[in-house]
Amino acid sequence: MSFMGPMNWGNTGSITVSEEQATKNAQDFVTKMGQEYSIGEPELAPGYYEFMIQKDGKDYAELDVNGYTGQVWYMKTGTDPS
């Protein structure tokens, strides 16, 4: 049985995107958001890497990177404190 969540579109094999590449993809995305944003350490989930985006030192949103394609998926989880 395989997990077919939002970032694991039917893939059942080992992920092909390295943690380093996923981190680069996430950082490139967050850099475009502005200097006040940063990312935390990645957590490996079934088929994707999960990052928390911080703004002013507080969790702001979640960013996932597909472990097969490297595609970035942004999910707003909180409210903008500014």
Protein backbone atom coordinates (compact mmCIF):
# COMPACT_ATOMS: atom_id res chain seq x y z
CA MET A 1 0.00 0.00 0.00
CA SER A 2 1.37 3.43 -0.85
CA PHE A 3 0.54 6.86 0.47
CA MET A 4 -1.01 9.05 -2.21
CA GLY A 5 -1.15 12.41 -0.53
CA PRO A 6 -0.97 15.79 -2.22
CA MET A 7 2.77 15.65 -2.91
CA ASN A 8 2.99 11.94 -3.74
CA TRP A 9 0.93 11.72 -6.91
CA GLY A 10 0.89 7.93 -7.21
CA ASN A 11 4.66 7.42 -7.00
CA THR A 12 5.65 4.31 -5.09
CA GLY A 13 9.44 4.14 -5.53
CA SER A 14 12.21 5.83 -3.59
CA ILE A 15 12.32 9.60 -3.83
CA THR A 16 14.76 10.95 -6.39
CA VAL A 17 15.19 14.54 -5.14
CA SER A 18 17.93 14.83 -2.51
CA GLU A 19 17.46 16.72 0.74
CA GLU A 20 20.04 19.23 -0.49
CA GLN A 21 18.15 19.86 -3.76
CA ALA A 22 14.82 20.13 -1.91
CA THR A 23 16.37 22.66 0.47
CA LYS A 24 17.72 24.69 -2.47
CA ASN A 25 14.31 24.68 -4.18
CA ALA A 26 12.63 25.77 -0.95
CA GLN A 27 15.21 28.49 -0.29
CA ASP A 28 14.93 29.82 -3.85
CA PHE A 29 11.15 30.10 -3.40
CA VAL A 30 11.41 31.80 0.00
CA THR A 31 14.10 34.23 -1.22
CA LYS A 32 11.58 35.57 -3.74
CA MET A 33 9.14 36.23 -0.86
CA GLY A 34 11.50 38.74 0.78
CA GLN A 35 14.39 39.03 3.22
CA GLU A 36 12.20 38.76 6.33
CA TYR A 37 11.42 35.09 5.55
CA SER A 38 13.55 32.02 6.24
CA ILE A 39 13.08 28.25 6.22
CA GLY A 40 13.59 25.68 8.94
CA GLU A 41 15.17 22.25 8.64
CA PRO A 42 13.42 19.83 6.27
CA GLU A 43 11.35 16.93 7.53
CA LEU A 44 10.91 13.93 5.26
CA ALA A 45 7.29 12.88 4.75
CA PRO A 46 6.01 10.15 2.41
CA GLY A 47 6.97 11.45 -1.04
CA TYR A 48 7.96 14.98 -0.08
CA TYR A 49 10.05 17.23 2.14
CA GLU A 50 8.28 19.60 4.52
CA PHE A 51 9.69 22.98 5.55
CA MET A 52 8.32 25.62 7.88
CA ILE A 53 8.68 29.18 6.68
CA GLN A 54 9.45 31.64 9.45
CA LYS A 55 8.75 35.34 9.46
CA ASP A 56 10.25 37.41 12.26
CA GLY A 57 11.26 34.17 14.02
CA LYS A 58 7.75 32.69 14.08
CA ASP A 59 6.20 29.94 11.97
CA TYR A 60 4.36 31.60 9.11
CA ALA A 61 3.55 28.95 6.50
CA GLU A 62 4.42 25.47 5.31
CA LEU A 63 6.38 24.76 2.16
CA ASP A 64 6.57 21.27 0.68
CA VAL A 65 8.92 20.02 -2.03
CA ASN A 66 7.91 16.97 -4.05
CA GLY A 67 10.48 14.21 -3.56
CA TYR A 68 10.11 13.00 -7.16
CA THR A 69 9.87 16.22 -9.19
CA GLY A 70 11.27 18.97 -6.94
CA GLN A 71 8.07 21.00 -7.42
CA VAL A 72 7.39 23.46 -4.59
CA TRP A 73 4.00 23.64 -2.91
CA TYR A 74 3.25 26.62 -0.65
CA MET A 75 0.58 26.37 2.04
CA LYS A 76 -0.35 29.37 4.17
CA THR A 77 -0.97 28.11 7.70
CA GLY A 78 -1.28 31.23 9.80
CA THR A 79 -2.15 34.87 9.56
CA ASP A 80 0.29 37.57 8.58
CA PRO A 81 1.28 39.32 11.83
CA SER A 82 2.08 42.60 10.06
